[in-house]
Amino acid sequence: MPIYAYRCEECGFAKDVLQKISDPQLTDCPTCGKASFKKQLTAAGFQLKGTGWYATDFRGGTAPATGVSSGPVEGAAKADAAPAPAAPAAAAPSGNSGAD
């Protein structure tokens, strides 16, 4: 059940109330009795911070498998180098096999 913050506009009395969502709003101030008890707009009680909080939680203590490597990419040095020369073509046999 959510906790709602209420404040009286007449006397300034403030109170946090545990209510169901389906419960009606409170209107009467418990201290002065006037119908000026209003629900306040408050910030959420939790924050979702960081990237991938859902992927790193509940993983059994191992590092998340993000697919991003922190080290150099394998073959990256080869990609910057000049292409390797083509392999020499195999010697083709001549048309004469010597048996006629």
PDB file of N, CA and C in Angstrom:
ATOM      1  N   MET A   1       0.841  -1.181   0.000  1.00  0.00           N
ATOM      2  CA  MET A   1       0.000   0.000   0.000  1.00  0.00           C
ATOM      3  C   MET A   1       0.883   1.240   0.000  1.00  0.00           C
ATOM      4  N   PRO A   2       0.511   2.219  -0.776  1.00  0.00           N
ATOM      5  CA  PRO A   2       1.291   3.455  -0.830  1.00  0.00           C
ATOM      6  C   PRO A   2       1.071   4.338   0.403  1.00  0.00           C
ATOM      7  N   ILE A   3       2.050   5.172   0.654  1.00  0.00           N
ATOM      8  CA  ILE A   3       1.969   6.152   1.731  1.00  0.00           C
ATOM      9  C   ILE A   3       1.750   7.516   1.089  1.00  0.00           C
ATOM     10  N   TYR A   4       0.692   8.194   1.498  1.00  0.00           N
ATOM     11  CA  TYR A   4       0.356   9.502   0.958  1.00  0.00           C
ATOM     12  C   TYR A   4       0.638  10.575   2.006  1.00  0.00           C
ATOM     13  N   ALA A   5       1.124  11.714   1.544  1.00  0.00           N
ATOM     14  CA  ALA A   5       1.375  12.847   2.431  1.00  0.00           C
ATOM     15  C   ALA A   5       0.190  13.799   2.341  1.00  0.00           C
ATOM     16  N   TYR A   6      -0.356  14.166   3.497  1.00  0.00           N
ATOM     17  CA  TYR A   6      -1.464  15.106   3.585  1.00  0.00           C
ATOM     18  C   TYR A   6      -1.015  16.325   4.380  1.00  0.00           C
ATOM     19  N   ARG A   7      -1.633  17.481   4.076  1.00  0.00           N
ATOM     20  CA  ARG A   7      -1.331  18.721   4.810  1.00  0.00           C
ATOM     21  C   ARG A   7      -2.586  19.568   4.862  1.00  0.00           C
ATOM     22  N   CYS A   8      -2.826  20.129   6.030  1.00  0.00           N
ATOM     23  CA  CYS A   8      -3.990  21.012   6.206  1.00  0.00           C
ATOM     24  C   CYS A   8      -3.622  22.416   5.727  1.00  0.00           C
ATOM     25  N   GLU A   9      -4.466  22.984   4.876  1.00  0.00           N
ATOM     26  CA  GLU A   9      -4.213  24.331   4.363  1.00  0.00           C
ATOM     27  C   GLU A   9      -4.565  25.402   5.395  1.00  0.00           C
ATOM     28  N   GLU A  10      -5.344  25.072   6.393  1.00  0.00           N
ATOM     29  CA  GLU A  10      -5.740  26.042   7.417  1.00  0.00           C
ATOM     30  C   GLU A  10      -4.723  26.129   8.552  1.00  0.00           C
ATOM     31  N   CYS A  11      -4.432  24.985   9.193  1.00  0.00           N
ATOM     32  CA  CYS A  11      -3.557  25.018  10.376  1.00  0.00           C
ATOM     33  C   CYS A  11      -2.129  24.571  10.088  1.00  0.00           C
ATOM     34  N   GLY A  12      -1.871  23.981   8.910  1.00  0.00           N
ATOM     35  CA  GLY A  12      -0.519  23.565   8.552  1.00  0.00           C
ATOM     36  C   GLY A  12      -0.130  22.177   9.054  1.00  0.00           C
ATOM     37  N   PHE A  13      -1.041  21.450   9.699  1.00  0.00           N
ATOM     38  CA  PHE A  13      -0.760  20.103  10.191  1.00  0.00           C
ATOM     39  C   PHE A  13      -0.459  19.182   9.016  1.00  0.00           C
ATOM     40  N   ALA A  14       0.618  18.389   9.136  1.00  0.00           N
ATOM     41  CA  ALA A  14       1.001  17.467   8.073  1.00  0.00           C
ATOM     42  C   ALA A  14       1.076  16.055   8.628  1.00  0.00           C
ATOM     43  N   LYS A  15       0.695  15.085   7.803  1.00  0.00           N
ATOM     44  CA  LYS A  15       0.686  13.690   8.235  1.00  0.00           C
ATOM     45  C   LYS A  15       0.850  12.787   7.026  1.00  0.00           C
ATOM     46  N   ASP A  16       1.632  11.703   7.199  1.00  0.00           N
ATOM     47  CA  ASP A  16       1.754  10.663   6.181  1.00  0.00           C
ATOM     48  C   ASP A  16       0.772   9.556   6.534  1.00  0.00           C
ATOM     49  N   VAL A  17      -0.012   9.112   5.541  1.00  0.00           N
ATOM     50  CA  VAL A  17      -1.069   8.135   5.783  1.00  0.00           C
ATOM     51  C   VAL A  17      -0.885   6.946   4.846  1.00  0.00           C
ATOM     52  N   LEU A  18      -0.919   5.739   5.424  1.00  0.00           N
ATOM     53  CA  LEU A  18      -0.858   4.505   4.655  1.00  0.00           C
ATOM     54  C   LEU A  18      -2.279   4.167   4.211  1.00  0.00           C
ATOM     55  N   GLN A  19      -2.511   4.204   2.881  1.00  0.00           N
ATOM     56  CA  GLN A  19      -3.847   3.984   2.335  1.00  0.00           C
ATOM     57  C   GLN A  19      -3.784   3.075   1.125  1.00  0.00           C
ATOM     58  N   LYS A  20      -4.888   2.406   0.860  1.00  0.00           N
ATOM     59  CA  LYS A  20      -5.039   1.688  -0.392  1.00  0.00           C
ATOM     60  C   LYS A  20      -5.279   2.713  -1.494  1.00  0.00           C
ATOM     61  N   ILE A  21      -4.981   2.338  -2.704  1.00  0.00           N
ATOM     62  CA  ILE A  21      -5.231   3.241  -3.828  1.00  0.00           C
ATOM     63  C   ILE A  21      -6.733   3.485  -3.976  1.00  0.00           C
ATOM     64  N   SER A  22      -7.530   2.474  -3.671  1.00  0.00           N
ATOM     65  CA  SER A  22      -8.978   2.590  -3.831  1.00  0.00           C
ATOM     66  C   SER A  22      -9.651   3.345  -2.676  1.00  0.00           C
ATOM     67  N   ASP A  23      -8.928   3.619  -1.575  1.00  0.00           N
ATOM     68  CA  ASP A  23      -9.519   4.361  -0.449  1.00  0.00           C
ATOM     69  C   ASP A  23      -9.808   5.803  -0.852  1.00  0.00           C
ATOM     70  N   PRO A  24     -10.876   6.386  -0.313  1.00  0.00           N
ATOM     71  CA  PRO A  24     -11.170   7.793  -0.630  1.00  0.00           C
ATOM     72  C   PRO A  24     -10.148   8.722   0.032  1.00  0.00           C
ATOM     73  N   GLN A  25      -9.959   9.886  -0.601  1.00  0.00           N
ATOM     74  CA  GLN A  25      -9.045  10.884  -0.041  1.00  0.00           C
ATOM     75  C   GLN A  25      -9.566  11.392   1.290  1.00  0.00           C
ATOM     76  N   LEU A  26      -8.639  11.687   2.203  1.00  0.00           N
ATOM     77  CA  LEU A  26      -9.025  12.298   3.467  1.00  0.00           C
ATOM     78  C   LEU A  26      -9.275  13.787   3.225  1.00  0.00           C
ATOM     79  N   THR A  27     -10.276  14.336   3.868  1.00  0.00           N
ATOM     80  CA  THR A  27     -10.592  15.749   3.670  1.00  0.00           C
ATOM     81  C   THR A  27     -10.621  16.526   4.980  1.00  0.00           C
ATOM     82  N   ASP A  28     -10.939  15.874   6.079  1.00  0.00           N
ATOM     83  CA  ASP A  28     -11.054  16.562   7.369  1.00  0.00           C
ATOM     84  C   ASP A  28      -9.742  16.483   8.138  1.00  0.00           C
ATOM     85  N   CYS A  29      -9.249  17.643   8.572  1.00  0.00           N
ATOM     86  CA  CYS A  29      -8.006  17.718   9.345  1.00  0.00           C
ATOM     87  C   CYS A  29      -8.233  17.114  10.738  1.00  0.00           C
ATOM     88  N   PRO A  30      -7.324  16.204  11.198  1.00  0.00           N
ATOM     89  CA  PRO A  30      -7.516  15.610  12.518  1.00  0.00           C
ATOM     90  C   PRO A  30      -7.267  16.590  13.668  1.00  0.00           C
ATOM     91  N   THR A  31      -6.579  17.706  13.455  1.00  0.00           N
ATOM     92  CA  THR A  31      -6.312  18.656  14.543  1.00  0.00           C
ATOM     93  C   THR A  31      -7.334  19.778  14.619  1.00  0.00           C
ATOM     94  N   CYS A  32      -7.627  20.413  13.485  1.00  0.00           N
ATOM     95  CA  CYS A  32      -8.556  21.555  13.531  1.00  0.00           C
ATOM     96  C   CYS A  32      -9.972  21.175  13.109  1.00  0.00           C
ATOM     97  N   GLY A  33     -10.146  20.009  12.457  1.00  0.00           N
ATOM     98  CA  GLY A  33     -11.473  19.546  12.074  1.00  0.00           C
ATOM     99  C   GLY A  33     -12.032  20.163  10.811  1.00  0.00           C
ATOM    100  N   LYS A  34     -11.321  21.074  10.169  1.00  0.00           N
ATOM    101  CA  LYS A  34     -11.821  21.722   8.955  1.00  0.00           C
ATOM    102  C   LYS A  34     -11.581  20.815   7.738  1.00  0.00           C
ATOM    103  N   ALA A  35     -12.373  21.044   6.721  1.00  0.00           N
ATOM    104  CA  ALA A  35     -12.284  20.242   5.501  1.00  0.00           C
ATOM    105  C   ALA A  35     -11.238  20.815   4.550  1.00  0.00           C
ATOM    106  N   SER A  36     -10.041  20.999   5.048  1.00  0.00           N
ATOM    107  CA  SER A  36      -8.965  21.561   4.214  1.00  0.00           C
ATOM    108  C   SER A  36      -7.719  20.661   4.223  1.00  0.00           C
ATOM    109  N   PHE A  37      -7.913  19.380   4.486  1.00  0.00           N
ATOM    110  CA  PHE A  37      -6.826  18.404   4.484  1.00  0.00           C
ATOM    111  C   PHE A  37      -6.635  17.939   3.045  1.00  0.00           C
ATOM    112  N   LYS A  38      -5.502  18.279   2.450  1.00  0.00           N
ATOM    113  CA  LYS A  38      -5.270  17.995   1.030  1.00  0.00           C
ATOM    114  C   LYS A  38      -4.086  17.052   0.856  1.00  0.00           C
ATOM    115  N   LYS A  39      -4.191  16.195  -0.161  1.00  0.00           N
ATOM    116  CA  LYS A  39      -3.100  15.284  -0.505  1.00  0.00           C
ATOM    117  C   LYS A  39      -1.992  16.074  -1.193  1.00  0.00           C
ATOM    118  N   GLN A  40      -0.749  15.846  -0.790  1.00  0.00           N
ATOM    119  CA  GLN A  40       0.402  16.555  -1.350  1.00  0.00           C
ATOM    120  C   GLN A  40       1.045  15.735  -2.472  1.00  0.00           C
ATOM    121  N   LEU A  41       1.658  16.411  -3.399  1.00  0.00           N
ATOM    122  CA  LEU A  41       2.419  15.770  -4.452  1.00  0.00           C
ATOM    123  C   LEU A  41       3.840  15.571  -3.929  1.00  0.00           C
ATOM    124  N   THR A  42       4.300  14.323  -3.860  1.00  0.00           N
ATOM    125  CA  THR A  42       5.624  14.027  -3.317  1.00  0.00           C
ATOM    126  C   THR A  42       6.445  13.250  -4.332  1.00  0.00           C
ATOM    127  N   ALA A  43       7.746  13.204  -4.091  1.00  0.00           N
ATOM    128  CA  ALA A  43       8.657  12.460  -4.968  1.00  0.00           C
ATOM    129  C   ALA A  43       8.516  10.961  -4.708  1.00  0.00           C
ATOM    130  N   ALA A  44       8.912  10.179  -5.674  1.00  0.00           N
ATOM    131  CA  ALA A  44       8.865   8.722  -5.532  1.00  0.00           C
ATOM    132  C   ALA A  44       9.800   8.280  -4.415  1.00  0.00           C
ATOM    133  N   GLY A  45       9.470   7.178  -3.770  1.00  0.00           N
ATOM    134  CA  GLY A  45      10.262   6.680  -2.656  1.00  0.00           C
ATOM    135  C   GLY A  45      11.480   5.892  -3.070  1.00  0.00           C
ATOM    136  N   PHE A  46      11.705   5.693  -4.359  1.00  0.00           N
ATOM    137  CA  PHE A  46      12.876   4.976  -4.833  1.00  0.00           C
ATOM    138  C   PHE A  46      13.342   5.600  -6.135  1.00  0.00           C
ATOM    139  N   GLN A  47      14.593   5.337  -6.470  1.00  0.00           N
ATOM    140  CA  GLN A  47      15.150   5.854  -7.715  1.00  0.00           C
ATOM    141  C   GLN A  47      15.847   4.724  -8.442  1.00  0.00           C
ATOM    142  N   LEU A  48      15.735   4.705  -9.740  1.00  0.00           N
ATOM    143  CA  LEU A  48      16.432   3.733 -10.574  1.00  0.00           C
ATOM    144  C   LEU A  48      17.628   4.446 -11.171  1.00  0.00           C
ATOM    145  N   LYS A  49      18.815   4.091 -10.677  1.00  0.00           N
ATOM    146  CA  LYS A  49      20.022   4.781 -11.123  1.00  0.00           C
ATOM    147  C   LYS A  49      20.921   3.843 -11.913  1.00  0.00           C
ATOM    148  N   GLY A  50      21.757   4.431 -12.727  1.00  0.00           N
ATOM    149  CA  GLY A  50      22.765   3.654 -13.437  1.00  0.00           C
ATOM    150  C   GLY A  50      22.212   3.010 -14.693  1.00  0.00           C
ATOM    151  N   THR A  51      23.124   2.377 -15.410  1.00  0.00           N
ATOM    152  CA  THR A  51      22.723   1.692 -16.624  1.00  0.00           C
ATOM    153  C   THR A  51      22.656   0.212 -16.350  1.00  0.00           C
ATOM    154  N   GLY A  52      21.606  -0.402 -16.750  1.00  0.00           N
ATOM    155  CA  GLY A  52      21.472  -1.839 -16.631  1.00  0.00           C
ATOM    156  C   GLY A  52      21.301  -2.356 -15.228  1.00  0.00           C
ATOM    157  N   TRP A  53      20.641  -1.612 -14.371  1.00  0.00           N
ATOM    158  CA  TRP A  53      20.467  -2.070 -12.986  1.00  0.00           C
ATOM    159  C   TRP A  53      19.769  -3.411 -12.941  1.00  0.00           C
ATOM    160  N   TYR A  54      18.879  -3.653 -13.894  1.00  0.00           N
ATOM    161  CA  TYR A  54      18.137  -4.908 -13.918  1.00  0.00           C
ATOM    162  C   TYR A  54      19.015  -6.060 -14.389  1.00  0.00           C
ATOM    163  N   ALA A  55      20.037  -5.773 -15.186  1.00  0.00           N
ATOM    164  CA  ALA A  55      20.916  -6.824 -15.698  1.00  0.00           C
ATOM    165  C   ALA A  55      21.985  -7.197 -14.685  1.00  0.00           C
ATOM    166  N   THR A  56      22.371  -6.272 -13.831  1.00  0.00           N
ATOM    167  CA  THR A  56      23.437  -6.557 -12.878  1.00  0.00           C
ATOM    168  C   THR A  56      22.901  -7.108 -11.569  1.00  0.00           C
ATOM    169  N   ASP A  57      21.655  -6.869 -11.267  1.00  0.00           N
ATOM    170  CA  ASP A  57      21.058  -7.431 -10.062  1.00  0.00           C
ATOM    171  C   ASP A  57      20.672  -8.880 -10.329  1.00  0.00           C
ATOM    172  N   PHE A  58      20.668  -9.685  -9.300  1.00  0.00           N
ATOM    173  CA  PHE A  58      20.206 -11.066  -9.371  1.00  0.00           C
ATOM    174  C   PHE A  58      21.039 -11.918 -10.319  1.00  0.00           C
ATOM    175  N   ARG A  59      22.330 -11.647 -10.430  1.00  0.00           N
ATOM    176  CA  ARG A  59      23.184 -12.406 -11.335  1.00  0.00           C
ATOM    177  C   ARG A  59      24.097 -13.392 -10.614  1.00  0.00           C
ATOM    178  N   GLY A  60      23.993 -13.528  -9.337  1.00  0.00           N
ATOM    179  CA  GLY A  60      24.819 -14.489  -8.630  1.00  0.00           C
ATOM    180  C   GLY A  60      26.258 -14.041  -8.422  1.00  0.00           C
ATOM    181  N   GLY A  61      26.539 -12.760  -8.466  1.00  0.00           N
ATOM    182  CA  GLY A  61      27.860 -12.239  -8.153  1.00  0.00           C
ATOM    183  C   GLY A  61      28.830 -12.182  -9.316  1.00  0.00           C
ATOM    184  N   THR A  62      28.456 -12.593 -10.506  1.00  0.00           N
ATOM    185  CA  THR A  62      29.371 -12.515 -11.641  1.00  0.00           C
ATOM    186  C   THR A  62      29.157 -11.208 -12.384  1.00  0.00           C
ATOM    187  N   ALA A  63      30.138 -10.840 -13.170  1.00  0.00           N
ATOM    188  CA  ALA A  63      30.043  -9.604 -13.951  1.00  0.00           C
ATOM    189  C   ALA A  63      28.966  -9.771 -15.018  1.00  0.00           C
ATOM    190  N   PRO A  64      28.250  -8.726 -15.366  1.00  0.00           N
ATOM    191  CA  PRO A  64      27.201  -8.833 -16.374  1.00  0.00           C
ATOM    192  C   PRO A  64      27.794  -9.095 -17.753  1.00  0.00           C
ATOM    193  N   ALA A  65      27.098  -9.874 -18.524  1.00  0.00           N
ATOM    194  CA  ALA A  65      27.520 -10.169 -19.891  1.00  0.00           C
ATOM    195  C   ALA A  65      26.921  -9.119 -20.810  1.00  0.00           C
ATOM    196  N   THR A  66      27.625  -8.027 -21.005  1.00  0.00           N
ATOM    197  CA  THR A  66      27.077  -6.935 -21.796  1.00  0.00           C
ATOM    198  C   THR A  66      27.508  -6.993 -23.248  1.00  0.00           C
ATOM    199  N   GLY A  67      28.519  -7.817 -23.546  1.00  0.00           N
ATOM    200  CA  GLY A  67      29.005  -7.882 -24.909  1.00  0.00           C
ATOM    201  C   GLY A  67      29.984  -6.763 -25.230  1.00  0.00           C
ATOM    202  N   VAL A  68      30.295  -5.924 -24.264  1.00  0.00           N
ATOM    203  CA  VAL A  68      31.227  -4.826 -24.460  1.00  0.00           C
ATOM    204  C   VAL A  68      32.528  -5.198 -23.770  1.00  0.00           C
ATOM    205  N   SER A  69      33.616  -5.157 -24.506  1.00  0.00           N
ATOM    206  CA  SER A  69      34.912  -5.524 -23.953  1.00  0.00           C
ATOM    207  C   SER A  69      35.626  -4.280 -23.455  1.00  0.00           C
ATOM    208  N   SER A  70      36.288  -4.405 -22.316  1.00  0.00           N
ATOM    209  CA  SER A  70      37.017  -3.250 -21.807  1.00  0.00           C
ATOM    210  C   SER A  70      38.427  -3.193 -22.377  1.00  0.00           C
ATOM    211  N   GLY A  71      38.910  -4.290 -22.943  1.00  0.00           N
ATOM    212  CA  GLY A  71      40.257  -4.341 -23.513  1.00  0.00           C
ATOM    213  C   GLY A  71      40.208  -4.117 -25.008  1.00  0.00           C
ATOM    214  N   PRO A  72      41.385  -4.192 -25.642  1.00  0.00           N
ATOM    215  CA  PRO A  72      41.411  -4.007 -27.095  1.00  0.00           C
ATOM    216  C   PRO A  72      40.712  -5.165 -27.800  1.00  0.00           C
ATOM    217  N   VAL A  73      40.108  -4.868 -28.919  1.00  0.00           N
ATOM    218  CA  VAL A  73      39.389  -5.866 -29.685  1.00  0.00           C
ATOM    219  C   VAL A  73      40.391  -6.756 -30.386  1.00  0.00           C
ATOM    220  N   GLU A  74      40.171  -8.066 -30.322  1.00  0.00           N
ATOM    221  CA  GLU A  74      41.083  -9.005 -30.958  1.00  0.00           C
ATOM    222  C   GLU A  74      41.077  -8.772 -32.461  1.00  0.00           C
ATOM    223  N   GLY A  75      42.252  -8.677 -33.051  1.00  0.00           N
ATOM    224  CA  GLY A  75      42.373  -8.448 -34.477  1.00  0.00           C
ATOM    225  C   GLY A  75      42.326  -6.977 -34.844  1.00  0.00           C
ATOM    226  N   ALA A  76      42.213  -6.081 -33.874  1.00  0.00           N
ATOM    227  CA  ALA A  76      42.134  -4.661 -34.174  1.00  0.00           C
ATOM    228  C   ALA A  76      43.447  -4.169 -34.764  1.00  0.00           C
ATOM    229  N   ALA A  77      44.590  -4.684 -34.286  1.00  0.00           N
ATOM    230  CA  ALA A  77      45.892  -4.267 -34.814  1.00  0.00           C
ATOM    231  C   ALA A  77      46.046  -4.726 -36.252  1.00  0.00           C
ATOM    232  N   LYS A  78      45.511  -5.882 -36.577  1.00  0.00           N
ATOM    233  CA  LYS A  78      45.597  -6.395 -37.944  1.00  0.00           C
ATOM    234  C   LYS A  78      44.736  -5.574 -38.890  1.00  0.00           C
ATOM    235  N   ALA A  79      43.628  -5.042 -38.402  1.00  0.00           N
ATOM    236  CA  ALA A  79      42.733  -4.279 -39.259  1.00  0.00           C
ATOM    237  C   ALA A  79      43.385  -2.984 -39.717  1.00  0.00           C
ATOM    238  N   ASP A  80      44.278  -2.425 -38.888  1.00  0.00           N
ATOM    239  CA  ASP A  80      44.943  -1.188 -39.255  1.00  0.00           C
ATOM    240  C   ASP A  80      46.119  -1.426 -40.192  1.00  0.00           C
ATOM    241  N   ALA A  81      46.685  -2.614 -40.214  1.00  0.00           N
ATOM    242  CA  ALA A  81      47.846  -2.924 -41.045  1.00  0.00           C
ATOM    243  C   ALA A  81      47.410  -3.106 -42.497  1.00  0.00           C
ATOM    244  N   ALA A  82      48.405  -3.083 -43.383  1.00  0.00           N
ATOM    245  CA  ALA A  82      48.135  -3.285 -44.803  1.00  0.00           C
ATOM    246  C   ALA A  82      47.651  -4.714 -45.014  1.00  0.00           C
ATOM    247  N   PRO A  83      46.817  -4.943 -46.014  1.00  0.00           N
ATOM    248  CA  PRO A  83      46.322  -6.293 -46.248  1.00  0.00           C
ATOM    249  C   PRO A  83      47.470  -7.231 -46.619  1.00  0.00           C
ATOM    250  N   ALA A  84      47.325  -8.471 -46.229  1.00  0.00           N
ATOM    251  CA  ALA A  84      48.363  -9.472 -46.514  1.00  0.00           C
ATOM    252  C   ALA A  84      48.397  -9.723 -48.018  1.00  0.00           C
ATOM    253  N   PRO A  85      49.609  -9.996 -48.568  1.00  0.00           N
ATOM    254  CA  PRO A  85      49.695 -10.266 -50.012  1.00  0.00           C
ATOM    255  C   PRO A  85      48.985 -11.573 -50.338  1.00  0.00           C
ATOM    256  N   ALA A  86      48.481 -11.663 -51.547  1.00  0.00           N
ATOM    257  CA  ALA A  86      47.761 -12.848 -51.978  1.00  0.00           C
ATOM    258  C   ALA A  86      48.729 -14.016 -52.070  1.00  0.00           C
ATOM    259  N   ALA A  87      48.260 -15.198 -51.795  1.00  0.00           N
ATOM    260  CA  ALA A  87      49.097 -16.399 -51.866  1.00  0.00           C
ATOM    261  C   ALA A  87      49.418 -16.668 -53.334  1.00  0.00           C
ATOM    262  N   PRO A  88      50.646 -17.161 -53.621  1.00  0.00           N
ATOM    263  CA  PRO A  88      50.992 -17.448 -55.023  1.00  0.00           C
ATOM    264  C   PRO A  88      50.120 -18.582 -55.556  1.00  0.00           C
ATOM    265  N   ALA A  89      49.778 -18.452 -56.804  1.00  0.00           N
ATOM    266  CA  ALA A  89      48.928 -19.459 -57.435  1.00  0.00           C
ATOM    267  C   ALA A  89      49.714 -20.753 -57.565  1.00  0.00           C
ATOM    268  N   ALA A  90      49.057 -21.864 -57.402  1.00  0.00           N
ATOM    269  CA  ALA A  90      49.716 -23.170 -57.533  1.00  0.00           C
ATOM    270  C   ALA A  90      50.115 -23.356 -58.994  1.00  0.00           C
ATOM    271  N   ALA A  91      51.245 -24.015 -59.173  1.00  0.00           N
ATOM    272  CA  ALA A  91      51.721 -24.230 -60.551  1.00  0.00           C
ATOM    273  C   ALA A  91      50.750 -25.131 -61.282  1.00  0.00           C
ATOM    274  N   ALA A  92      50.265 -24.644 -62.380  1.00  0.00           N
ATOM    275  CA  ALA A  92      49.322 -25.436 -63.175  1.00  0.00           C
ATOM    276  C   ALA A  92      50.088 -26.446 -64.005  1.00  0.00           C
ATOM    277  N   PRO A  93      49.623 -27.645 -64.059  1.00  0.00           N
ATOM    278  CA  PRO A  93      50.331 -28.636 -64.882  1.00  0.00           C
ATOM    279  C   PRO A  93      50.230 -28.257 -66.359  1.00  0.00           C
ATOM    280  N   SER A  94      51.241 -28.572 -67.064  1.00  0.00           N
ATOM    281  CA  SER A  94      51.236 -28.260 -68.501  1.00  0.00           C
ATOM    282  C   SER A  94      50.305 -29.200 -69.214  1.00  0.00           C
ATOM    283  N   GLY A  95      49.973 -28.861 -70.377  1.00  0.00           N
ATOM    284  CA  GLY A  95      49.038 -29.666 -71.168  1.00  0.00           C
ATOM    285  C   GLY A  95      49.605 -31.014 -71.563  1.00  0.00           C
ATOM    286  N   ASN A  96      50.936 -31.163 -71.542  1.00  0.00           N
ATOM    287  CA  ASN A  96      51.536 -32.447 -71.933  1.00  0.00           C
ATOM    288  C   ASN A  96      51.819 -33.266 -70.702  1.00  0.00           C
ATOM    289  N   SER A  97      51.282 -34.399 -70.617  1.00  0.00           N
ATOM    290  CA  SER A  97      51.555 -35.262 -69.475  1.00  0.00           C
ATOM    291  C   SER A  97      52.695 -36.223 -69.783  1.00  0.00           C
ATOM    292  N   GLY A  98      53.161 -36.257 -71.012  1.00  0.00           N
ATOM    293  CA  GLY A  98      54.282 -37.082 -71.407  1.00  0.00           C
ATOM    294  C   GLY A  98      53.844 -38.456 -71.838  1.00  0.00           C
ATOM    295  N   ALA A  99      52.646 -38.842 -71.685  1.00  0.00           N
ATOM    296  CA  ALA A  99      52.198 -40.153 -72.127  1.00  0.00           C
ATOM    297  C   ALA A  99      51.306 -39.967 -73.313  1.00  0.00           C
ATOM    298  N   ASP A 100      51.825 -40.408 -74.516  1.00  0.00           N
ATOM    299  CA  ASP A 100      51.041 -40.293 -75.740  1.00  0.00           C
ATOM    300  C   ASP A 100      50.790 -41.614 -76.332  1.00  0.00           C
TER     301      ASP A 100
END
